[in-house]
Amino acid sequence: MPDQVQLKDSERQPCEVWTRVMGYHRPVSSFNTGKKGEFYERKCFVESKCNLSDASESKK
C-alpha cells in the first residue's frame, strides 16, 4: 500500500471506549481498578453461535 498514512505518536488522538453500565453509558476510563478488570474480563455474546433453535426442539 503505497498511499498508507503514517502518523507520529504526537499526532495521534486517543480513542475513548464507552460501555453501557446500569442502564446508561460511561467511559471505561472513569472506572475504578476493579470495574476496569471486570470490563476486560467480559466475553462478547454472539447469538448466531448459540443454536437456540436446537435447544427449543429438545424441550418438546
Protein backbone atom coordinates (compact mmCIF):
# COMPACT_ATOMS: atom_id res chain seq x y z
CA MET A 1 0.00 0.00 0.00
CA PRO A 2 2.00 2.99 -1.19
CA ASP A 3 -0.66 5.53 -0.07
CA GLN A 4 -0.63 4.45 3.59
CA VAL A 5 -0.64 7.37 6.04
CA GLN A 6 1.88 7.27 8.88
CA LEU A 7 1.31 9.40 11.98
CA LYS A 8 3.74 10.26 14.74
CA ASP A 9 2.60 9.44 18.28
CA SER A 10 2.29 13.18 18.97
CA GLU A 11 -0.23 13.47 16.10
CA ARG A 12 -2.47 10.66 17.29
CA GLN A 13 -5.71 11.18 19.20
CA PRO A 14 -6.58 8.69 21.94
CA CYS A 15 -9.70 6.60 21.38
CA GLU A 16 -12.10 6.60 24.31
CA VAL A 17 -14.03 3.36 24.91
CA TRP A 18 -17.56 3.64 26.31
CA THR A 19 -19.77 0.86 27.64
CA ARG A 20 -23.30 0.52 28.97
CA VAL A 21 -23.45 0.07 32.74
CA MET A 22 -26.62 0.05 34.86
CA GLY A 23 -28.74 1.47 32.03
CA TYR A 24 -26.51 4.34 30.93
CA HIS A 25 -23.27 4.80 29.01
CA ARG A 26 -19.96 5.66 30.71
CA PRO A 27 -16.35 5.87 29.54
CA VAL A 28 -14.22 2.95 30.70
CA SER A 29 -11.50 5.44 31.67
CA SER A 30 -13.72 6.66 34.54
CA PHE A 31 -13.97 3.16 36.10
CA ASN A 32 -12.08 2.23 39.24
CA THR A 33 -9.45 -0.53 39.07
CA GLY A 34 -11.88 -3.33 39.97
CA LYS A 35 -14.54 -2.28 37.49
CA LYS A 36 -11.91 -1.96 34.71
CA GLY A 37 -10.81 -5.52 35.47
CA GLU A 38 -14.41 -6.75 35.22
CA PHE A 39 -14.84 -4.93 31.90
CA TYR A 40 -11.74 -6.51 30.34
CA GLU A 41 -12.82 -10.00 31.51
CA ARG A 42 -16.18 -9.75 29.68
CA LYS A 43 -16.94 -12.13 26.85
CA CYS A 44 -18.70 -10.99 23.67
CA PHE A 45 -22.07 -12.64 23.06
CA VAL A 46 -22.79 -13.86 19.54
CA GLU A 47 -26.39 -15.09 19.24
CA SER A 48 -25.79 -16.96 15.99
CA LYS A 49 -23.34 -19.28 17.77
CA CYS A 50 -25.90 -20.35 20.41
CA ASN A 51 -28.01 -22.74 18.28
CA LEU A 52 -31.15 -21.54 20.04
CA SER A 53 -33.44 -23.40 17.61
CA ASP A 54 -31.82 -26.71 18.60
CA ALA A 55 -32.38 -26.02 22.30
CA SER A 56 -36.10 -25.30 21.84
CA GLU A 57 -36.55 -28.52 19.85
CA SER A 58 -35.06 -30.66 22.64
CA LYS A 59 -37.62 -29.33 25.18
CA LYS A 60 -40.57 -30.71 23.18
